[in-house]
N, C-alpha and C. Protein backbone atom coordinates (compact mmCIF):
# COMPACT_ATOMS: atom_id res chain seq x y z
N MET A 1 166.32 163.69 211.49
CA MET A 1 167.33 162.85 212.11
C MET A 1 168.72 163.53 212.03
N LYS A 2 169.03 164.14 210.86
CA LYS A 2 170.31 164.83 210.72
C LYS A 2 170.39 165.99 211.71
N TYR A 3 169.26 166.68 211.88
CA TYR A 3 169.21 167.81 212.80
C TYR A 3 169.49 167.35 214.24
N ALA A 4 168.86 166.25 214.65
CA ALA A 4 169.05 165.73 216.00
C ALA A 4 170.49 165.28 216.20
N LEU A 5 171.07 164.66 215.19
CA LEU A 5 172.46 164.22 215.28
C LEU A 5 173.41 165.42 215.39
N ALA A 6 173.14 166.46 214.60
CA ALA A 6 173.96 167.67 214.66
C ALA A 6 173.86 168.33 216.03
N CYS A 7 172.66 168.38 216.61
CA CYS A 7 172.48 168.95 217.95
C CYS A 7 173.22 168.15 219.00
N LEU A 8 173.15 166.83 218.89
CA LEU A 8 173.84 165.96 219.84
C LEU A 8 175.35 166.16 219.74
N LEU A 9 175.87 166.25 218.53
CA LEU A 9 177.29 166.47 218.33
C LEU A 9 177.72 167.83 218.90
N LEU A 10 176.93 168.86 218.68
CA LEU A 10 177.22 170.18 219.22
C LEU A 10 177.22 170.16 220.74
N LEU A 11 176.25 169.48 221.33
CA LEU A 11 176.15 169.38 222.78
C LEU A 11 177.37 168.65 223.36
N LEU A 12 177.77 167.56 222.73
CA LEU A 12 178.90 166.79 223.22
C LEU A 12 180.22 167.56 223.12
N THR A 13 180.38 168.37 222.07
CA THR A 13 181.61 169.15 221.95
C THR A 13 181.61 170.35 222.87
N ALA A 14 180.45 170.87 223.21
CA ALA A 14 180.37 172.04 224.08
C ALA A 14 180.53 171.68 225.55
N MET A 15 180.21 170.45 225.93
CA MET A 15 180.28 170.05 227.33
C MET A 15 181.68 170.19 227.93
N PRO A 16 182.75 169.74 227.24
CA PRO A 16 184.07 169.93 227.84
C PRO A 16 184.43 171.40 228.02
N LEU A 17 184.03 172.26 227.08
CA LEU A 17 184.31 173.69 227.21
C LEU A 17 183.59 174.26 228.42
N ALA A 18 182.32 173.89 228.61
CA ALA A 18 181.57 174.39 229.76
C ALA A 18 182.22 173.90 231.05
N ALA A 19 182.66 172.65 231.06
CA ALA A 19 183.30 172.13 232.27
C ALA A 19 184.61 172.87 232.54
N GLN A 20 185.32 173.24 231.47
CA GLN A 20 186.57 173.98 231.64
C GLN A 20 186.34 175.38 232.15
N SER A 21 185.31 176.04 231.62
CA SER A 21 185.12 177.44 231.97
C SER A 21 184.33 177.64 233.25
N GLU A 22 183.65 176.63 233.72
CA GLU A 22 182.89 176.74 234.96
C GLU A 22 183.35 175.64 235.92
N PRO A 23 184.48 175.85 236.58
CA PRO A 23 185.08 174.80 237.39
C PRO A 23 184.37 174.58 238.73
N ASN A 24 184.49 173.36 239.21
CA ASN A 24 184.10 173.05 240.59
C ASN A 24 185.35 172.95 241.45
N GLU A 25 186.45 172.68 240.82
CA GLU A 25 187.74 172.50 241.49
C GLU A 25 188.44 173.84 241.65
N PRO A 26 189.41 173.92 242.56
CA PRO A 26 190.20 175.15 242.67
C PRO A 26 190.94 175.45 241.37
N VAL A 27 191.03 176.72 241.03
CA VAL A 27 191.72 177.16 239.81
C VAL A 27 192.88 178.06 240.21
N GLN A 28 194.09 177.66 239.87
CA GLN A 28 195.26 178.48 240.15
C GLN A 28 195.39 179.52 239.05
N GLY A 29 195.85 180.70 239.44
CA GLY A 29 196.02 181.74 238.43
C GLY A 29 196.55 183.02 239.04
N SER A 30 196.27 184.11 238.34
CA SER A 30 196.74 185.42 238.75
C SER A 30 195.56 186.37 238.89
N LEU A 31 195.57 187.12 239.98
CA LEU A 31 194.57 188.16 240.20
C LEU A 31 195.27 189.50 239.96
N TYR A 32 194.63 190.33 239.17
CA TYR A 32 195.13 191.67 238.89
C TYR A 32 194.18 192.66 239.54
N VAL A 33 194.72 193.60 240.31
CA VAL A 33 193.91 194.59 241.02
C VAL A 33 194.36 195.98 240.58
N LEU A 34 193.41 196.75 240.12
CA LEU A 34 193.67 198.13 239.72
C LEU A 34 192.81 199.02 240.61
N VAL A 35 193.46 199.87 241.42
CA VAL A 35 192.73 200.72 242.35
C VAL A 35 193.30 202.13 242.31
N ASP A 36 192.40 203.11 242.28
CA ASP A 36 192.84 204.51 242.20
C ASP A 36 193.42 205.01 243.52
N HIS A 37 192.90 204.54 244.62
CA HIS A 37 193.31 205.07 245.91
C HIS A 37 193.94 203.97 246.74
N SER A 38 193.32 203.57 247.81
CA SER A 38 193.89 202.57 248.70
C SER A 38 192.94 201.39 248.83
N ALA A 39 193.51 200.18 248.79
CA ALA A 39 192.69 198.98 248.92
C ALA A 39 193.47 197.91 249.68
N THR A 40 192.74 197.12 250.46
CA THR A 40 193.28 195.95 251.14
C THR A 40 192.40 194.78 250.72
N LEU A 41 193.02 193.71 250.24
CA LEU A 41 192.30 192.57 249.66
C LEU A 41 192.34 191.38 250.62
N PHE A 42 191.20 190.70 250.75
CA PHE A 42 191.10 189.49 251.57
C PHE A 42 190.41 188.40 250.74
N ILE A 43 190.96 187.20 250.78
CA ILE A 43 190.31 186.04 250.18
C ILE A 43 190.05 185.06 251.30
N ASN A 44 188.79 184.77 251.54
CA ASN A 44 188.36 183.88 252.63
C ASN A 44 188.93 184.34 253.97
N GLY A 45 188.96 185.65 254.18
CA GLY A 45 189.39 186.22 255.45
C GLY A 45 190.88 186.38 255.61
N VAL A 46 191.66 185.95 254.62
CA VAL A 46 193.13 186.04 254.69
C VAL A 46 193.58 187.20 253.81
N GLU A 47 194.38 188.11 254.40
CA GLU A 47 194.86 189.26 253.64
C GLU A 47 195.82 188.81 252.54
N VAL A 48 195.64 189.40 251.37
CA VAL A 48 196.49 189.13 250.21
C VAL A 48 197.14 190.45 249.83
N LYS A 49 198.46 190.48 249.79
CA LYS A 49 199.19 191.72 249.50
C LYS A 49 198.99 192.14 248.05
N ILE A 50 198.65 193.42 247.87
CA ILE A 50 198.51 194.00 246.54
C ILE A 50 199.82 194.72 246.23
N PRO A 51 200.56 194.28 245.21
CA PRO A 51 201.82 194.95 244.88
C PRO A 51 201.59 196.38 244.41
N LYS A 52 202.45 197.29 244.84
CA LYS A 52 202.37 198.69 244.40
C LYS A 52 202.83 198.76 242.95
N SER A 53 202.09 199.52 242.15
CA SER A 53 202.45 199.68 240.75
C SER A 53 201.90 200.99 240.23
N LYS A 54 202.75 201.77 239.60
CA LYS A 54 202.32 203.03 239.00
C LYS A 54 201.73 202.80 237.60
N ALA A 55 202.11 201.69 236.97
CA ALA A 55 201.64 201.41 235.61
C ALA A 55 200.61 200.29 235.65
N ALA A 56 200.81 199.28 234.86
CA ALA A 56 199.88 198.15 234.80
C ALA A 56 199.93 197.36 236.10
N PRO A 57 198.78 196.81 236.51
CA PRO A 57 198.78 196.02 237.75
C PRO A 57 199.63 194.77 237.62
N LYS A 58 200.25 194.38 238.73
CA LYS A 58 201.10 193.19 238.75
C LYS A 58 200.28 191.98 239.17
N ALA A 59 200.67 190.81 238.69
CA ALA A 59 199.97 189.56 238.98
C ALA A 59 200.14 189.17 240.44
N ILE A 60 199.04 188.76 241.06
CA ILE A 60 199.05 188.21 242.41
C ILE A 60 198.67 186.75 242.28
N PRO A 61 199.58 185.81 242.59
CA PRO A 61 199.23 184.40 242.47
C PRO A 61 198.19 184.02 243.52
N VAL A 62 197.07 183.47 243.06
CA VAL A 62 195.99 183.04 243.95
C VAL A 62 195.35 181.77 243.39
N THR A 63 194.59 181.12 244.23
CA THR A 63 193.75 180.00 243.81
C THR A 63 192.32 180.36 244.18
N LEU A 64 191.42 180.28 243.20
CA LEU A 64 190.00 180.60 243.44
C LEU A 64 189.14 179.41 243.04
N GLN A 65 188.02 179.29 243.74
CA GLN A 65 187.04 178.27 243.39
C GLN A 65 185.66 178.75 243.81
N PRO A 66 184.61 178.17 243.23
CA PRO A 66 183.27 178.56 243.65
C PRO A 66 183.11 178.39 245.16
N GLY A 67 182.49 179.38 245.78
CA GLY A 67 182.29 179.39 247.22
C GLY A 67 183.28 180.28 247.96
N ASP A 68 184.37 180.67 247.29
CA ASP A 68 185.34 181.58 247.93
C ASP A 68 184.72 182.96 248.10
N HIS A 69 185.24 183.70 249.09
CA HIS A 69 184.78 185.06 249.37
C HIS A 69 185.93 186.02 249.14
N ILE A 70 185.65 187.10 248.43
CA ILE A 70 186.64 188.17 248.26
C ILE A 70 186.08 189.42 248.90
N VAL A 71 186.89 190.05 249.74
CA VAL A 71 186.54 191.34 250.35
C VAL A 71 187.63 192.33 249.97
N VAL A 72 187.20 193.51 249.54
CA VAL A 72 188.14 194.60 249.25
C VAL A 72 187.75 195.77 250.14
N LYS A 73 188.67 196.12 251.06
CA LYS A 73 188.46 197.30 251.90
C LYS A 73 189.04 198.48 251.13
N LEU A 74 188.20 199.49 250.88
CA LEU A 74 188.56 200.62 250.04
C LEU A 74 188.63 201.90 250.86
N SER A 75 189.57 202.77 250.47
CA SER A 75 189.69 204.06 251.15
C SER A 75 190.12 205.13 250.16
N SER A 76 189.39 206.23 250.17
CA SER A 76 189.79 207.40 249.37
C SER A 76 189.73 208.65 250.23
N THR A 77 189.86 208.48 251.56
CA THR A 77 189.73 209.62 252.47
C THR A 77 190.86 210.63 252.33
N HIS A 78 192.03 210.20 251.90
CA HIS A 78 193.16 211.13 251.78
C HIS A 78 193.43 211.49 250.33
N SER A 79 192.43 211.35 249.48
CA SER A 79 192.59 211.61 248.06
C SER A 79 191.48 212.54 247.57
N LYS A 80 191.71 213.10 246.41
CA LYS A 80 190.68 213.92 245.79
C LYS A 80 189.92 213.06 244.79
N GLY A 81 188.62 213.27 244.69
CA GLY A 81 187.82 212.56 243.71
C GLY A 81 187.33 211.22 244.20
N GLU A 82 186.45 210.64 243.40
CA GLU A 82 185.88 209.34 243.74
C GLU A 82 186.87 208.23 243.42
N GLY A 83 186.80 207.16 244.18
CA GLY A 83 187.69 206.04 243.96
C GLY A 83 187.13 205.06 242.95
N SER A 84 188.00 204.19 242.47
CA SER A 84 187.57 203.11 241.59
C SER A 84 188.46 201.90 241.82
N CYS A 85 187.88 200.75 241.57
CA CYS A 85 188.58 199.49 241.75
C CYS A 85 188.16 198.57 240.61
N MET A 86 189.11 197.81 240.06
CA MET A 86 188.83 196.81 239.04
C MET A 86 189.64 195.57 239.37
N LEU A 87 189.05 194.40 239.15
CA LEU A 87 189.73 193.14 239.39
C LEU A 87 189.56 192.23 238.18
N LEU A 88 190.63 191.47 237.89
CA LEU A 88 190.63 190.47 236.82
C LEU A 88 191.37 189.25 237.32
N PHE A 89 190.80 188.06 237.10
CA PHE A 89 191.46 186.80 237.43
C PHE A 89 191.68 186.03 236.13
N VAL A 90 192.90 185.51 235.93
CA VAL A 90 193.22 184.70 234.77
C VAL A 90 193.87 183.41 235.27
N SER A 91 193.36 182.27 234.81
CA SER A 91 193.92 180.99 235.24
C SER A 91 195.33 180.81 234.71
N SER A 92 196.11 179.98 235.39
CA SER A 92 197.49 179.70 234.98
C SER A 92 197.55 179.08 233.59
N THR A 93 196.51 178.35 233.22
CA THR A 93 196.47 177.70 231.90
C THR A 93 196.06 178.67 230.79
N ARG A 94 195.66 179.89 231.17
CA ARG A 94 195.16 180.91 230.24
C ARG A 94 193.91 180.43 229.49
N GLN A 95 193.14 179.54 230.13
CA GLN A 95 191.90 179.02 229.54
C GLN A 95 190.66 179.69 230.12
N THR A 96 190.78 180.14 231.38
CA THR A 96 189.62 180.63 232.13
C THR A 96 189.94 181.97 232.75
N MET A 97 188.90 182.81 232.87
CA MET A 97 189.07 184.12 233.49
C MET A 97 187.81 184.51 234.25
N ILE A 98 187.96 185.49 235.13
CA ILE A 98 186.81 186.17 235.74
C ILE A 98 187.04 187.66 235.52
N SER A 99 186.14 188.28 234.76
CA SER A 99 186.12 189.74 234.61
C SER A 99 185.13 190.25 235.65
N PHE A 100 185.62 190.74 236.77
CA PHE A 100 184.74 191.16 237.85
C PHE A 100 183.97 192.42 237.46
N ARG A 101 182.69 192.43 237.83
CA ARG A 101 181.80 193.55 237.52
C ARG A 101 181.10 194.00 238.80
N ALA A 102 180.61 195.22 238.80
CA ALA A 102 179.97 195.79 239.99
C ALA A 102 178.80 194.94 240.47
N VAL A 103 178.06 194.36 239.56
CA VAL A 103 176.87 193.59 239.93
C VAL A 103 177.22 192.37 240.80
N SER A 104 178.47 191.92 240.74
CA SER A 104 178.89 190.77 241.55
C SER A 104 179.25 191.15 242.98
N PHE A 105 179.48 192.43 243.22
CA PHE A 105 179.93 192.89 244.53
C PHE A 105 178.80 193.57 245.29
N LYS A 106 178.81 193.35 246.60
CA LYS A 106 177.87 194.03 247.49
C LYS A 106 178.66 194.84 248.51
N ILE A 107 178.05 195.93 248.95
CA ILE A 107 178.66 196.76 249.98
C ILE A 107 178.43 196.10 251.33
N LEU A 108 179.50 195.87 252.07
CA LEU A 108 179.38 195.22 253.37
C LEU A 108 178.94 196.25 254.40
N PRO A 109 178.12 195.85 255.38
CA PRO A 109 177.58 196.82 256.34
C PRO A 109 178.62 197.41 257.28
N ASP A 110 179.74 196.72 257.46
CA ASP A 110 180.81 197.20 258.34
C ASP A 110 182.09 197.35 257.52
N PRO A 111 182.65 198.56 257.41
CA PRO A 111 183.85 198.75 256.60
C PRO A 111 185.09 198.02 257.13
N GLU A 112 184.99 197.46 258.35
CA GLU A 112 186.12 196.71 258.92
C GLU A 112 186.01 195.21 258.66
N MET A 113 184.94 194.76 258.01
CA MET A 113 184.77 193.33 257.73
C MET A 113 185.87 192.83 256.80
N THR A 114 186.35 191.61 257.05
CA THR A 114 187.34 190.99 256.17
C THR A 114 186.84 189.67 255.60
N ASP A 115 185.68 189.22 256.03
CA ASP A 115 185.10 187.97 255.53
C ASP A 115 183.61 187.96 255.86
N PHE A 116 182.91 187.00 255.29
CA PHE A 116 181.47 186.86 255.52
C PHE A 116 181.09 185.42 255.19
N THR A 117 179.91 185.02 255.61
CA THR A 117 179.37 183.71 255.26
C THR A 117 178.45 183.87 254.05
N PRO A 118 178.16 182.79 253.34
CA PRO A 118 177.20 182.89 252.24
C PRO A 118 175.84 183.43 252.70
N GLU A 119 175.43 183.07 253.91
CA GLU A 119 174.15 183.56 254.44
C GLU A 119 174.20 185.07 254.66
N GLN A 120 175.32 185.56 255.21
CA GLN A 120 175.47 187.00 255.39
C GLN A 120 175.45 187.71 254.03
N PHE A 121 176.17 187.15 253.06
CA PHE A 121 176.25 187.76 251.74
C PHE A 121 174.86 187.90 251.12
N ALA A 122 174.05 186.87 251.27
CA ALA A 122 172.68 186.91 250.73
C ALA A 122 171.87 188.04 251.37
N GLY A 123 172.19 188.40 252.61
CA GLY A 123 171.46 189.44 253.31
C GLY A 123 171.96 190.86 253.07
N PHE A 124 173.14 190.99 252.47
CA PHE A 124 173.65 192.34 252.17
C PHE A 124 172.78 192.96 251.09
N GLU A 125 172.30 194.17 251.36
CA GLU A 125 171.27 194.77 250.50
C GLU A 125 171.79 195.62 249.36
N HIS A 126 172.95 196.24 249.50
CA HIS A 126 173.36 197.26 248.53
C HIS A 126 174.48 196.76 247.61
N GLN A 127 174.29 196.99 246.32
CA GLN A 127 175.28 196.62 245.31
C GLN A 127 176.41 197.65 245.29
N ALA A 128 177.57 197.21 244.86
CA ALA A 128 178.67 198.14 244.63
C ALA A 128 178.24 199.14 243.56
N VAL A 129 178.83 200.32 243.60
CA VAL A 129 178.47 201.39 242.66
C VAL A 129 179.37 201.27 241.42
N PRO A 130 178.77 201.05 240.24
CA PRO A 130 179.59 200.96 239.03
C PRO A 130 180.20 202.31 238.66
N ARG A 131 181.39 202.26 238.09
CA ARG A 131 182.07 203.46 237.58
C ARG A 131 182.25 203.27 236.07
N HIS A 132 181.19 203.56 235.33
CA HIS A 132 181.19 203.33 233.88
C HIS A 132 182.19 204.20 233.15
N ASP A 133 182.58 205.30 233.72
CA ASP A 133 183.51 206.21 233.05
C ASP A 133 184.94 205.68 233.04
N LEU A 134 185.16 204.50 233.59
CA LEU A 134 186.52 203.96 233.70
C LEU A 134 186.79 202.80 232.74
N GLU A 135 185.89 202.55 231.81
CA GLU A 135 186.05 201.38 230.94
C GLU A 135 187.36 201.40 230.16
N ASN A 136 187.91 202.58 229.89
CA ASN A 136 189.19 202.66 229.18
C ASN A 136 190.32 202.06 230.00
N LYS A 137 190.15 201.93 231.31
CA LYS A 137 191.20 201.36 232.16
C LYS A 137 191.31 199.85 232.01
N GLN A 138 190.32 199.22 231.37
CA GLN A 138 190.41 197.78 231.10
C GLN A 138 191.69 197.44 230.36
N THR A 139 192.14 198.35 229.52
CA THR A 139 193.33 198.10 228.70
C THR A 139 194.62 198.05 229.52
N LEU A 140 194.58 198.47 230.77
CA LEU A 140 195.76 198.39 231.62
C LEU A 140 196.04 196.96 232.07
N PHE A 141 195.03 196.09 232.00
CA PHE A 141 195.24 194.68 232.34
C PHE A 141 195.95 193.99 231.17
N PRO A 142 196.74 192.94 231.46
CA PRO A 142 197.50 192.27 230.40
C PRO A 142 196.66 191.36 229.50
N TYR A 143 195.37 191.22 229.79
CA TYR A 143 194.49 190.36 229.00
C TYR A 143 193.22 191.12 228.65
N LYS A 144 192.69 190.85 227.46
CA LYS A 144 191.42 191.43 227.07
C LYS A 144 190.36 190.94 228.05
N ASN A 145 189.45 191.85 228.47
CA ASN A 145 188.51 191.50 229.53
C ASN A 145 187.24 192.34 229.42
N ASN A 146 186.28 191.99 230.27
CA ASN A 146 185.02 192.74 230.37
C ASN A 146 184.85 193.32 231.77
N CYS A 147 185.96 193.66 232.42
CA CYS A 147 185.91 194.19 233.78
C CYS A 147 185.19 195.52 233.82
N GLU A 148 184.67 195.83 234.99
CA GLU A 148 183.97 197.09 235.22
C GLU A 148 184.53 197.71 236.49
N GLY A 149 184.74 199.01 236.46
CA GLY A 149 185.17 199.71 237.66
C GLY A 149 184.01 199.87 238.63
N PHE A 150 184.32 199.86 239.93
CA PHE A 150 183.27 200.01 240.94
C PHE A 150 183.87 200.54 242.22
N TRP A 151 183.00 200.92 243.15
CA TRP A 151 183.39 201.42 244.47
C TRP A 151 182.21 201.17 245.39
N GLY A 152 182.37 201.54 246.64
CA GLY A 152 181.27 201.44 247.60
C GLY A 152 180.48 202.74 247.63
N ASP A 153 179.78 202.94 248.73
CA ASP A 153 178.92 204.13 248.84
C ASP A 153 179.53 205.22 249.73
N ARG A 154 180.76 205.00 250.22
CA ARG A 154 181.43 205.98 251.08
C ARG A 154 182.92 206.01 250.74
N ASP A 155 183.62 206.99 251.30
CA ASP A 155 185.07 207.06 251.09
C ASP A 155 185.79 205.87 251.71
N GLU A 156 185.31 205.43 252.87
CA GLU A 156 185.85 204.25 253.57
C GLU A 156 184.77 203.20 253.56
N CYS A 157 185.02 202.07 252.89
CA CYS A 157 183.99 201.04 252.81
C CYS A 157 184.64 199.69 252.51
N ALA A 158 183.84 198.66 252.60
CA ALA A 158 184.28 197.32 252.22
C ALA A 158 183.22 196.75 251.29
N ILE A 159 183.69 196.11 250.24
CA ILE A 159 182.80 195.44 249.30
C ILE A 159 183.22 193.99 249.21
N GLY A 160 182.29 193.12 248.88
CA GLY A 160 182.62 191.70 248.81
C GLY A 160 181.85 190.99 247.73
N THR A 161 182.39 189.86 247.32
CA THR A 161 181.72 188.99 246.36
C THR A 161 181.89 187.55 246.76
N LEU A 162 180.94 186.74 246.38
CA LEU A 162 180.97 185.31 246.60
C LEU A 162 181.20 184.68 245.22
N ILE A 163 182.32 183.98 245.06
CA ILE A 163 182.67 183.40 243.76
C ILE A 163 181.68 182.28 243.43
N THR A 164 181.13 182.35 242.22
CA THR A 164 180.21 181.32 241.73
C THR A 164 180.77 180.70 240.46
N ARG A 165 180.28 179.52 240.11
CA ARG A 165 180.75 178.83 238.89
C ARG A 165 180.55 179.68 237.65
N ASP A 166 179.42 180.39 237.59
CA ASP A 166 179.13 181.13 236.36
C ASP A 166 179.98 182.39 236.19
N MET A 167 180.77 182.75 237.18
CA MET A 167 181.68 183.89 237.03
C MET A 167 182.87 183.53 236.14
N PHE A 168 183.24 182.24 236.13
CA PHE A 168 184.35 181.78 235.30
C PHE A 168 183.89 181.69 233.85
N SER A 169 184.71 182.20 232.94
CA SER A 169 184.36 182.15 231.52
C SER A 169 185.62 181.86 230.73
N PRO A 170 185.47 181.41 229.48
CA PRO A 170 186.67 181.21 228.65
C PRO A 170 187.38 182.54 228.45
N ILE A 171 188.68 182.49 228.36
CA ILE A 171 189.46 183.71 228.18
C ILE A 171 189.11 184.32 226.82
N LEU A 172 189.08 185.65 226.77
CA LEU A 172 188.73 186.34 225.53
C LEU A 172 189.91 186.31 224.56
N PRO A 173 189.62 186.19 223.29
CA PRO A 173 190.72 186.23 222.31
C PRO A 173 191.41 187.58 222.34
N GLN A 174 192.72 187.56 222.22
CA GLN A 174 193.50 188.80 222.30
C GLN A 174 193.42 189.59 221.05
């Protein structure tokens, strides 16, 4: 009986945390974009300006919710070496974050795409290419994170992700 009561108490205290970290409602916050070469960002088909920064990435105020689409058009045609891109979202309340990883992104079939439907996303076959050698760049973000660097399969490409509830997680302790 004590065991069942302890489990029930644990479940009841964990439910608000799960609701906080996996929202159904829009979450206001900041998106941080770190890109080695050139990138153009779209959220639900609308271009979002990426501030130029030589040092740490600057905050881009955005609102994200499950079902949103993010497309990043990438280009490294005028640069030497392979490109890399990292994204981090932190809620305004500093309670929730998304550490974007390669497994969440798919390579879009047309590098000029700026949006897609959930049905199209399900049909995209190729995952973004992880750049494991860039994990030290996580420290350039202002918050501790589990972000992963990634790119597409060509110098000019577009990658996209469909935001899901399980992408949101509690912010990591600093």
